[in-house]
Protein backbone atom coordinates (compact mmCIF):
# COMPACT_ATOMS: atom_id res chain seq x y z
CA MET A 1 -28.30 14.09 -21.57
CA PHE A 2 -31.47 12.29 -20.42
CA ARG A 3 -34.54 12.06 -22.61
CA ASP A 4 -37.02 10.67 -20.10
CA THR A 5 -38.70 12.48 -17.21
CA ILE A 6 -38.72 10.79 -13.82
CA ALA A 7 -40.78 11.14 -10.65
CA ALA A 8 -40.79 9.76 -7.11
CA ILE A 9 -42.17 10.50 -3.66
CA ALA A 10 -39.41 12.49 -1.92
CA THR A 11 -40.82 12.36 1.62
CA ALA A 12 -41.25 9.44 4.02
CA ASN A 13 -43.71 6.72 3.09
CA ALA A 14 -45.98 7.55 6.02
CA THR A 15 -49.02 9.65 6.91
CA GLY A 16 -48.10 13.26 7.66
CA ALA A 17 -49.19 16.84 7.16
CA VAL A 18 -47.43 17.27 3.80
CA SER A 19 -45.87 15.04 1.17
CA VAL A 20 -43.58 16.05 -1.70
CA ILE A 21 -43.37 14.43 -5.11
CA ARG A 22 -40.31 15.37 -7.16
CA VAL A 23 -40.35 15.39 -10.98
CA SER A 24 -37.23 15.97 -13.11
CA GLY A 25 -36.61 16.03 -16.84
CA ASP A 26 -37.37 17.86 -20.07
CA GLU A 27 -41.14 17.32 -19.75
CA ALA A 28 -41.43 18.00 -16.00
CA ILE A 29 -42.88 21.53 -16.41
CA GLU A 30 -45.20 20.49 -19.24
CA VAL A 31 -46.64 17.56 -17.27
CA ALA A 32 -47.09 19.65 -14.11
CA SER A 33 -48.86 22.32 -16.19
CA LYS A 34 -51.36 19.73 -17.44
CA LEU A 35 -51.97 18.44 -13.92
CA ILE A 36 -52.91 21.83 -12.45
CA GLN A 37 -54.30 23.25 -15.71
CA LYS A 38 -51.95 26.24 -15.63
CA ASP A 39 -49.10 27.05 -18.02
CA LEU A 40 -45.94 27.02 -15.86
CA SER A 41 -43.55 27.32 -18.80
CA LYS A 42 -43.91 31.11 -18.80
CA GLU A 43 -43.32 31.42 -15.06
CA LYS A 44 -39.97 32.29 -13.55
CA GLY A 45 -37.83 29.63 -11.91
CA ASN A 46 -37.56 29.34 -8.14
CA THR A 47 -41.22 30.22 -7.68
CA ILE A 48 -44.18 28.48 -6.02
CA HIS A 49 -47.64 28.14 -7.59
CA TYR A 50 -51.01 27.11 -6.19
CA GLY A 51 -53.10 24.69 -8.14
CA VAL A 52 -55.60 21.84 -8.07
CA ILE A 53 -54.55 18.50 -9.56
CA HIS A 54 -57.18 16.87 -11.73
CA ASP A 55 -57.51 13.34 -13.00
CA ASN A 56 -60.08 12.66 -15.71
CA GLY A 57 -61.77 15.92 -14.86
CA GLU A 58 -62.05 15.24 -11.14
CA ALA A 59 -60.17 17.20 -8.48
CA VAL A 60 -57.64 15.06 -6.60
CA ASP A 61 -55.93 17.55 -4.25
CA GLU A 62 -54.98 21.17 -3.74
CA VAL A 63 -51.21 21.49 -4.12
CA LEU A 64 -48.29 23.89 -4.17
CA VAL A 65 -45.91 23.40 -7.09
CA SER A 66 -42.31 24.56 -6.63
CA LEU A 67 -40.78 25.37 -10.00
CA PHE A 68 -37.04 25.09 -10.74
CA LYS A 69 -35.78 25.68 -14.25
CA ALA A 70 -32.57 24.17 -15.64
CA PRO A 71 -29.77 24.50 -14.81
CA ARG A 72 -30.71 26.08 -11.46
CA SER A 73 -32.15 22.98 -9.86
CA TYR A 74 -31.00 20.01 -7.82
CA THR A 75 -30.54 17.77 -10.86
CA GLY A 76 -29.55 20.51 -13.32
CA GLU A 77 -32.73 19.72 -15.29
CA ASP A 78 -36.20 21.24 -15.17
CA VAL A 79 -37.65 20.16 -11.82
CA VAL A 80 -41.03 20.53 -10.17
CA GLU A 81 -41.79 19.53 -6.61
CA ILE A 82 -45.46 18.98 -5.84
CA GLY A 83 -46.39 19.61 -2.23
CA CYS A 84 -49.65 17.83 -1.44
CA HIS A 85 -51.56 16.72 1.64
CA GLY A 86 -49.64 13.95 3.34
CA GLY A 87 -52.10 11.08 3.20
CA LEU A 88 -50.71 7.86 1.78
CA TYR A 89 -53.59 7.47 -0.68
CA ILE A 90 -53.44 11.06 -1.95
CA THR A 91 -49.66 10.99 -2.39
CA ARG A 92 -49.69 7.72 -4.30
CA LYS A 93 -52.68 8.84 -6.36
CA ILE A 94 -50.81 11.95 -7.56
CA LEU A 95 -47.76 9.84 -8.38
CA SER A 96 -50.02 7.46 -10.33
CA VAL A 97 -51.45 10.38 -12.31
CA LEU A 98 -47.92 11.54 -13.15
CA LEU A 99 -46.93 8.07 -14.34
CA SER A 100 -50.05 7.90 -16.51
CA LYS A 101 -48.78 11.00 -18.34
CA GLY A 102 -45.66 9.18 -19.53
CA VAL A 103 -43.38 10.05 -16.62
CA ARG A 104 -41.18 7.18 -15.45
CA LEU A 105 -40.80 6.10 -11.81
CA ALA A 106 -37.30 7.07 -10.68
CA ARG A 107 -34.80 4.46 -9.59
CA ARG A 108 -33.20 4.64 -6.15
CA GLY A 109 -30.80 7.59 -6.04
CA GLU A 110 -31.53 8.60 -9.64
CA PHE A 111 -32.13 12.29 -8.88
CA THR A 112 -28.71 12.57 -7.25
CA GLN A 113 -27.18 10.47 -10.03
CA ARG A 114 -28.48 12.98 -12.55
CA ALA A 115 -27.14 15.84 -10.42
CA PHE A 116 -23.70 14.20 -10.57
CA LEU A 117 -23.82 13.43 -14.29
CA ASN A 118 -25.04 16.96 -15.03
CA GLY A 119 -22.12 18.46 -13.14
CA LYS A 120 -24.12 19.83 -10.20
CA MET A 121 -21.93 17.95 -7.72
CA ASP A 122 -18.95 15.61 -7.73
CA LEU A 123 -19.09 11.98 -6.63
CA SER A 124 -17.92 12.66 -3.07
CA GLN A 125 -20.71 15.23 -2.70
CA ALA A 126 -23.25 12.77 -4.08
CA GLU A 127 -22.15 10.21 -1.50
CA ALA A 128 -22.47 12.89 1.17
CA VAL A 129 -26.16 13.37 0.32
CA ASN A 130 -26.84 9.77 1.33
CA ASP A 131 -24.55 10.07 4.36
CA LEU A 132 -26.45 13.15 5.57
CA ILE A 133 -29.80 11.39 5.25
CA ARG A 134 -28.52 8.35 7.16
CA ALA A 135 -26.55 10.29 9.80
CA ARG A 136 -27.33 8.87 13.25
CA ASP A 137 -25.50 11.47 15.32
CA GLU A 138 -23.90 14.91 15.26
CA VAL A 139 -20.45 13.65 14.22
CA ASN A 140 -21.82 11.86 11.14
CA ALA A 141 -24.09 14.77 10.22
CA LYS A 142 -21.25 17.31 10.44
CA SER A 143 -18.94 15.14 8.36
CA ALA A 144 -21.59 14.64 5.68
CA MET A 145 -22.35 18.37 5.59
CA HIS A 146 -18.65 19.20 5.15
CA SER A 147 -18.44 16.77 2.21
CA LEU A 148 -21.64 18.11 0.69
CA ARG A 149 -20.02 21.54 0.62
CA GLY A 150 -17.00 20.20 -1.26
CA SER A 151 -14.51 19.47 1.55
CA VAL A 152 -13.15 16.31 -0.12
CA THR A 153 -12.46 18.16 -3.37
CA LYS A 154 -10.70 20.97 -1.48
CA LEU A 155 -8.68 18.42 0.48
CA LEU A 156 -7.41 16.76 -2.69
CA GLU A 157 -6.79 19.89 -4.78
CA PRO A 158 -3.24 20.55 -3.42
CA LEU A 159 -2.27 16.92 -4.17
CA GLU A 160 -3.66 17.19 -7.69
CA GLU A 161 -1.82 20.48 -8.21
CA SER A 162 1.46 18.96 -7.08
CA LEU A 163 0.99 15.91 -9.32
CA ALA A 164 0.22 18.07 -12.33
CA GLN A 165 3.37 20.11 -11.67
CA MET A 166 5.55 16.98 -11.47
CA ILE A 167 4.10 15.49 -14.63
CA ALA A 168 4.34 18.79 -16.53
CA ASN A 169 8.03 19.14 -15.61
CA ILE A 170 8.75 15.62 -16.84
CA GLU A 171 6.74 16.08 -20.06
CA VAL A 172 8.64 19.25 -20.91
CA ASN A 173 11.96 17.48 -20.28
CA ILE A 174 10.97 14.54 -22.46
CA ASP A 175 9.81 16.76 -25.33
CA TYR A 176 12.62 19.31 -24.96
CA PRO A 177 15.53 17.49 -23.29
CA GLU A 178 17.91 20.37 -24.01
CA TYR A 179 16.06 22.55 -21.46
CA ASP A 180 16.97 20.68 -18.29
CA ASP A 181 19.53 18.21 -17.07
CA VAL A 182 17.69 14.93 -16.34
CA HIS A 183 19.64 14.11 -13.18
CA GLN A 184 19.23 17.63 -11.82
CA LEU A 185 15.49 17.61 -12.61
CA THR A 186 15.05 14.34 -10.73
CA GLU A 187 17.14 15.14 -7.68
CA GLU A 188 16.23 18.80 -7.18
CA GLU A 189 12.59 19.00 -8.29
CA ILE A 190 10.68 15.77 -8.85
CA LEU A 191 11.95 13.60 -5.96
CA PRO A 192 11.40 16.18 -3.16
CA MET A 193 7.91 16.93 -4.47
CA ALA A 194 7.10 13.22 -4.70
CA GLU A 195 8.32 12.51 -1.16
CA LYS A 196 6.32 15.40 0.27
CA TRP A 197 3.27 14.24 -1.67
CA LEU A 198 3.65 10.77 -0.11
CA VAL A 199 3.82 12.22 3.41
CA ASP A 200 0.66 14.24 2.73
CA ILE A 201 -1.39 11.32 1.35
CA LYS A 202 -0.37 9.10 4.27
CA GLU A 203 -1.59 11.74 6.72
CA ILE A 204 -4.88 12.06 4.84
CA VAL A 205 -5.40 8.28 4.94
CA ARG A 206 -4.50 8.11 8.65
CA LYS A 207 -6.98 10.80 9.60
CA ALA A 208 -9.66 9.34 7.34
CA GLU A 209 -9.38 5.88 8.92
CA GLN A 210 -9.40 7.44 12.38
CA SER A 211 -12.47 9.50 11.54
CA LEU A 212 -14.28 6.58 9.88
CA ALA A 213 -13.83 4.43 12.99
CA ILE A 214 -15.39 7.14 15.14
CA ARG A 215 -18.33 7.67 12.77
CA GLU A 216 -19.11 3.98 12.31
CA GLY A 217 -18.63 3.15 15.98
CA ILE A 218 -15.82 1.43 17.85
CA ASP A 219 -16.10 -2.38 17.82
CA THR A 220 -15.68 -3.09 21.53
CA VAL A 221 -15.29 -6.48 23.18
CA ILE A 222 -15.96 -6.98 26.88
CA LEU A 223 -13.57 -9.72 27.97
CA GLY A 224 -13.06 -11.59 31.21
CA ARG A 225 -13.24 -14.93 32.92
CA PRO A 226 -16.65 -16.40 33.79
CA ASN A 227 -18.82 -14.73 36.44
CA VAL A 228 -16.60 -11.63 36.68
CA GLY A 229 -19.43 -9.23 35.75
CA LYS A 230 -19.15 -8.80 31.97
CA SER A 231 -22.88 -9.14 31.33
CA SER A 232 -23.67 -6.78 34.20
CA LEU A 233 -21.30 -4.24 32.65
CA LEU A 234 -22.95 -4.60 29.23
CA ASN A 235 -26.37 -4.04 30.81
CA ALA A 236 -25.08 -1.03 32.76
CA LEU A 237 -23.60 0.58 29.63
CA LEU A 238 -26.74 -0.06 27.57
CA GLU A 239 -29.03 0.86 30.49
CA GLU A 240 -31.14 -2.23 29.81
CA ASP A 241 -31.14 -5.91 30.71
CA LYS A 242 -29.74 -7.15 27.41
CA ALA A 243 -27.67 -10.03 28.79
CA ILE A 244 -28.70 -12.68 31.29
CA VAL A 245 -26.98 -12.25 34.67
CA THR A 246 -26.73 -15.12 37.17
CA ASP A 247 -24.23 -16.34 39.74
CA ILE A 248 -23.68 -19.47 37.65
CA ALA A 249 -20.35 -19.44 35.82
CA GLY A 250 -20.58 -19.83 32.03
CA THR A 251 -24.09 -18.35 31.62
CA THR A 252 -23.10 -16.45 28.46
CA ARG A 253 -22.63 -19.06 25.73
CA ASP A 254 -22.88 -16.81 22.67
CA LEU A 255 -22.02 -13.23 21.78
CA VAL A 256 -24.47 -10.59 23.05
CA GLU A 257 -24.34 -7.28 21.18
CA GLY A 258 -25.59 -3.70 21.52
CA SER A 259 -24.59 -0.10 20.77
CA VAL A 260 -24.25 2.82 23.16
CA ARG A 261 -23.28 6.49 22.79
CA ILE A 262 -20.62 7.68 25.24
CA GLY A 263 -19.36 11.27 25.11
CA GLY A 264 -19.81 11.59 21.35
CA VAL A 265 -18.40 8.11 20.63
CA THR A 266 -20.51 5.11 19.64
CA LEU A 267 -19.36 1.77 21.06
CA ASN A 268 -20.54 -1.36 19.26
CA LEU A 269 -20.44 -3.59 22.34
CA ILE A 270 -19.98 -7.34 22.35
CA ASP A 271 -20.33 -9.29 25.61
CA THR A 272 -18.34 -12.49 25.19
CA ALA A 273 -18.41 -15.90 26.82
CA GLY A 274 -16.05 -16.12 29.78
CA ILE A 275 -12.64 -17.36 28.65
CA ARG A 276 -11.42 -20.38 30.56
CA ASP A 277 -10.60 -24.06 30.02
CA SER A 278 -13.92 -25.89 29.75
CA SER A 279 -15.06 -29.43 29.00
CA ASP A 280 -18.54 -28.22 28.04
CA LYS A 281 -18.84 -28.45 24.23
CA VAL A 282 -21.31 -25.55 23.87
CA GLU A 283 -19.29 -23.31 26.18
CA ARG A 284 -16.11 -24.09 24.20
CA ILE A 285 -17.86 -22.92 21.00
CA GLY A 286 -18.78 -19.67 22.77
CA ILE A 287 -15.17 -19.21 23.91
CA GLN A 288 -13.93 -19.67 20.35
CA LYS A 289 -16.36 -16.99 19.20
CA SER A 290 -15.05 -14.72 21.94
CA LEU A 291 -11.48 -15.16 20.74
CA ALA A 292 -12.56 -14.49 17.13
CA ALA A 293 -14.33 -11.29 18.22
CA LEU A 294 -11.19 -10.24 20.09
CA GLU A 295 -9.15 -10.42 16.87
CA LYS A 296 -11.46 -7.88 15.17
CA ALA A 297 -11.98 -5.59 18.17
CA GLN A 298 -10.87 -1.96 18.05
CA LEU A 299 -11.23 -1.65 21.83
CA VAL A 300 -11.05 -4.30 24.53
CA ILE A 301 -12.53 -3.79 27.98
CA VAL A 302 -10.91 -6.37 30.26
CA VAL A 303 -13.00 -6.99 33.36
CA LEU A 304 -11.25 -8.29 36.48
CA ASP A 305 -12.69 -9.14 39.90
CA ALA A 306 -11.43 -6.45 42.31
CA GLY A 307 -11.11 -9.02 45.10
CA ASP A 308 -9.76 -11.99 43.20
CA VAL A 309 -7.20 -11.54 40.42
CA ASN A 310 -5.98 -15.02 39.56
CA GLU A 311 -3.95 -16.89 36.95
CA GLU A 312 -6.80 -16.87 34.40
CA ASP A 313 -6.90 -13.07 34.65
CA ARG A 314 -3.17 -12.82 34.12
CA LYS A 315 -3.53 -14.94 30.96
CA LEU A 316 -6.18 -12.53 29.67
CA LEU A 317 -3.94 -9.56 30.38
CA ALA A 318 -1.13 -11.24 28.46
CA LEU A 319 -3.54 -12.10 25.62
CA THR A 320 -4.64 -8.47 25.24
CA GLU A 321 -1.26 -6.83 25.81
CA GLY A 322 -0.41 -4.30 23.12
CA ARG A 323 -4.05 -3.87 22.12
CA ASN A 324 -6.17 -0.78 22.59
CA ARG A 325 -7.64 -1.75 25.94
CA ILE A 326 -9.08 -0.56 29.24
CA VAL A 327 -8.67 -2.73 32.33
CA VAL A 328 -11.44 -2.32 34.91
CA TYR A 329 -11.78 -3.84 38.37
CA ASN A 330 -15.37 -4.82 39.02
CA LYS A 331 -17.13 -5.17 42.40
CA ASN A 332 -15.30 -2.22 43.92
CA ASP A 333 -18.28 -1.83 46.27
CA LEU A 334 -17.02 -4.99 47.98
CA HIS A 335 -13.29 -4.52 47.59
CA GLU A 336 -11.23 -1.32 47.62
CA VAL A 337 -9.05 -0.79 44.54
CA ASP A 338 -6.36 1.72 43.55
CA SER A 339 -6.94 1.32 39.80
CA LEU A 340 -10.03 1.91 37.67
CA GLY A 341 -12.84 0.51 39.80
CA ILE A 342 -16.51 0.00 38.97
CA SER A 343 -19.56 -1.78 40.31
CA ALA A 344 -21.39 -3.03 37.22
CA LEU A 345 -24.25 -4.62 39.19
CA ASN A 346 -24.94 -1.30 40.92
CA LYS A 347 -24.57 0.61 37.63
CA ASP A 348 -21.64 2.55 39.11
CA ILE A 349 -19.53 2.82 35.94
CA ASP A 350 -18.74 6.56 35.82
CA ALA A 351 -14.99 5.94 36.07
CA LEU A 352 -15.08 3.73 32.97
CA VAL A 353 -17.19 6.24 31.04
CA ARG A 354 -14.70 9.02 31.82
CA GLU A 355 -11.80 6.81 30.70
CA ILE A 356 -13.53 6.07 27.37
CA GLU A 357 -14.25 9.77 26.79
CA LYS A 358 -10.62 10.62 27.55
CA MET A 359 -9.31 7.87 25.26
CA TYR A 360 -11.24 9.14 22.20
CA GLU A 361 -11.09 12.87 22.90
CA GLN A 362 -8.49 13.55 20.17
CA ASP A 363 -10.16 11.17 17.72
CA LEU A 364 -13.38 13.17 18.01
CA LEU A 365 -11.49 16.31 17.03
CA VAL A 366 -10.13 14.55 13.93
CA ALA A 367 -13.64 13.30 13.08
CA ASN A 368 -14.79 16.92 12.85
CA GLU A 369 -12.03 17.83 10.39
CA ASP A 370 -12.31 17.61 6.60
CA THR A 371 -11.43 14.03 5.66
CA LEU A 372 -12.21 11.29 3.18
CA ASN A 373 -15.51 9.78 4.19
CA ASN A 374 -15.85 6.11 3.30
CA GLU A 375 -14.01 2.91 2.44
CA ARG A 376 -14.21 3.57 -1.31
CA GLN A 377 -12.49 6.94 -1.00
CA ILE A 378 -9.90 5.64 1.48
CA GLY A 379 -9.18 2.61 -0.71
CA LEU A 380 -8.51 4.79 -3.76
CA ALA A 381 -6.25 7.06 -1.69
CA LYS A 382 -4.28 4.02 -0.51
CA GLN A 383 -3.87 2.88 -4.11
CA ALA A 384 -2.61 6.36 -5.02
CA GLN A 385 -0.17 6.13 -2.11
CA GLY A 386 1.13 2.82 -3.48
CA ALA A 387 1.53 4.26 -6.97
CA MET A 388 3.56 7.17 -5.58
CA GLU A 389 5.77 4.75 -3.64
CA ASP A 390 6.45 2.99 -6.95
CA ALA A 391 7.29 6.33 -8.59
CA ILE A 392 9.71 7.24 -5.79
CA ASN A 393 11.42 3.85 -6.05
CA ALA A 394 11.78 4.37 -9.79
CA LEU A 395 13.31 7.82 -9.19
CA HIS A 396 15.78 6.43 -6.66
CA ASN A 397 16.76 3.72 -9.15
CA GLU A 398 17.26 6.41 -11.85
CA MET A 399 14.78 4.81 -14.22
CA GLU A 400 13.60 6.59 -17.37
CA LEU A 401 11.37 9.53 -16.54
CA ASP A 402 8.63 8.43 -18.93
CA LEU A 403 8.27 5.26 -16.81
CA VAL A 404 7.96 7.42 -13.69
CA THR A 405 5.19 9.36 -15.43
CA ILE A 406 3.12 6.18 -15.70
CA ASP A 407 2.99 5.90 -11.89
CA LEU A 408 2.32 9.61 -11.46
CA GLU A 409 -0.54 9.51 -13.97
CA LYS A 410 -1.96 6.54 -12.07
CA CYS A 411 -1.90 8.66 -8.91
CA TRP A 412 -3.76 11.40 -10.73
CA THR A 413 -6.45 9.04 -12.04
CA LEU A 414 -7.00 7.44 -8.63
CA LEU A 415 -7.42 10.81 -6.93
CA LYS A 416 -9.87 11.92 -9.61
CA GLU A 417 -11.86 8.69 -9.16
CA ILE A 418 -12.56 9.77 -5.58
CA THR A 419 -14.57 12.72 -6.87
CA GLY A 420 -15.73 10.92 -10.02
CA LYS A 421 -13.75 13.09 -12.44
CA ALA A 422 -11.16 10.59 -13.63
CA GLY A 423 -9.88 10.85 -17.15
CA ARG A 424 -6.59 11.22 -19.03
CA ASP A 425 -8.06 14.04 -21.15
CA ASP A 426 -8.59 15.99 -17.94
CA LEU A 427 -4.95 15.43 -17.00
CA LEU A 428 -3.68 16.46 -20.45
CA ASP A 429 -5.75 19.65 -20.35
CA GLU A 430 -4.28 20.47 -16.95
CA ILE A 431 -0.70 19.80 -18.03
CA PHE A 432 -0.76 21.68 -21.30
CA SER A 433 -2.58 24.63 -19.80
CA ARG A 434 0.68 25.27 -17.95
CA PHE A 435 2.68 25.59 -21.15
CA CYS A 436 3.57 29.00 -22.57
CA LEU A 437 1.52 30.37 -25.44
CA GLY A 438 2.98 29.21 -28.74
CA LYS A 439 4.47 26.01 -27.29
């Protein structure tokens, strides 16, 4: 499929004990053989070979060359991985020697792109490779590993099977109308299958969005009137003095942000300007930013003064009613409270931490299940959901079955786009493979 051979440094661009340079393509083995002056073409795949790389007759470095022959390699092509000493100069020098032999410098992600195009993995698995590399915690790493092992494909297979069955039934009825009564086919077979399919895709989307929120972090706004202890709470959660704390009301004029890990959940925290009526122009701008952040927040922590709940507080409670929120009463070291009390200044916030852990306990369980893994996949699933809703409406309105097929085929294509295997030919092969021999 590809005529050129590519190479790139596969390890971090930093000094270390060992570096690895990956080479893939039809000439990978030939070029590596020239570099270490040993014929690797006769060696078995999945073997390691010692050698010395030379450039213009001079030794550059002692290396170990891992040999992978097509198709049993990461990319599905001939691949060599050169393990050299991890100095920046040595690593780049070996790469330079490779490029001087006619090898091309790989583009970002090109090895995985070739693995996908050569059928070594589907698109969801290719995305998982990048997700695994960038994983910042256990939840993200587990999710990426599940996808890398084909969890997205397995999740979608029952939906694809059901779609193929619906379309095949309709195609047979269109081609051989004497076999089935159209009304009976619609009412007894197609419509129940379509409605169940819709329930299933909605559940997949719901869990995927829930899981994505956990993996990317919960956008959390700390809200309250001025001088109630919002900045002290932010500092206590982050365990650093991120926000300025004074006894002067209105100190926070802009949004102060930071992220913290609590019981397996990442909170993307935003400390907002105290919300109140103000004549100060700069403070009013900060308050408007606070209200804008509130609109996008997935969690709101409303901070009240344990000893002084006033009309401004009641307005905030009304403003956040119906939202995913936690109401905390600060300064409980000075005033006794029956509700969730903390002392942000004294870093006594254990009650709040426990409440956050409890709130997202079930979400963490969902995040560890097999789900769709990013906005692209979720967006395609939502489009497939919409196409099925159109098909069901058409069935209820007793429209021609060939028109219903259009929506069902759209569902099929959208699901296949998630794994990068979209194509009408693929659908036709699946449908007609279900026909009897001789039909």
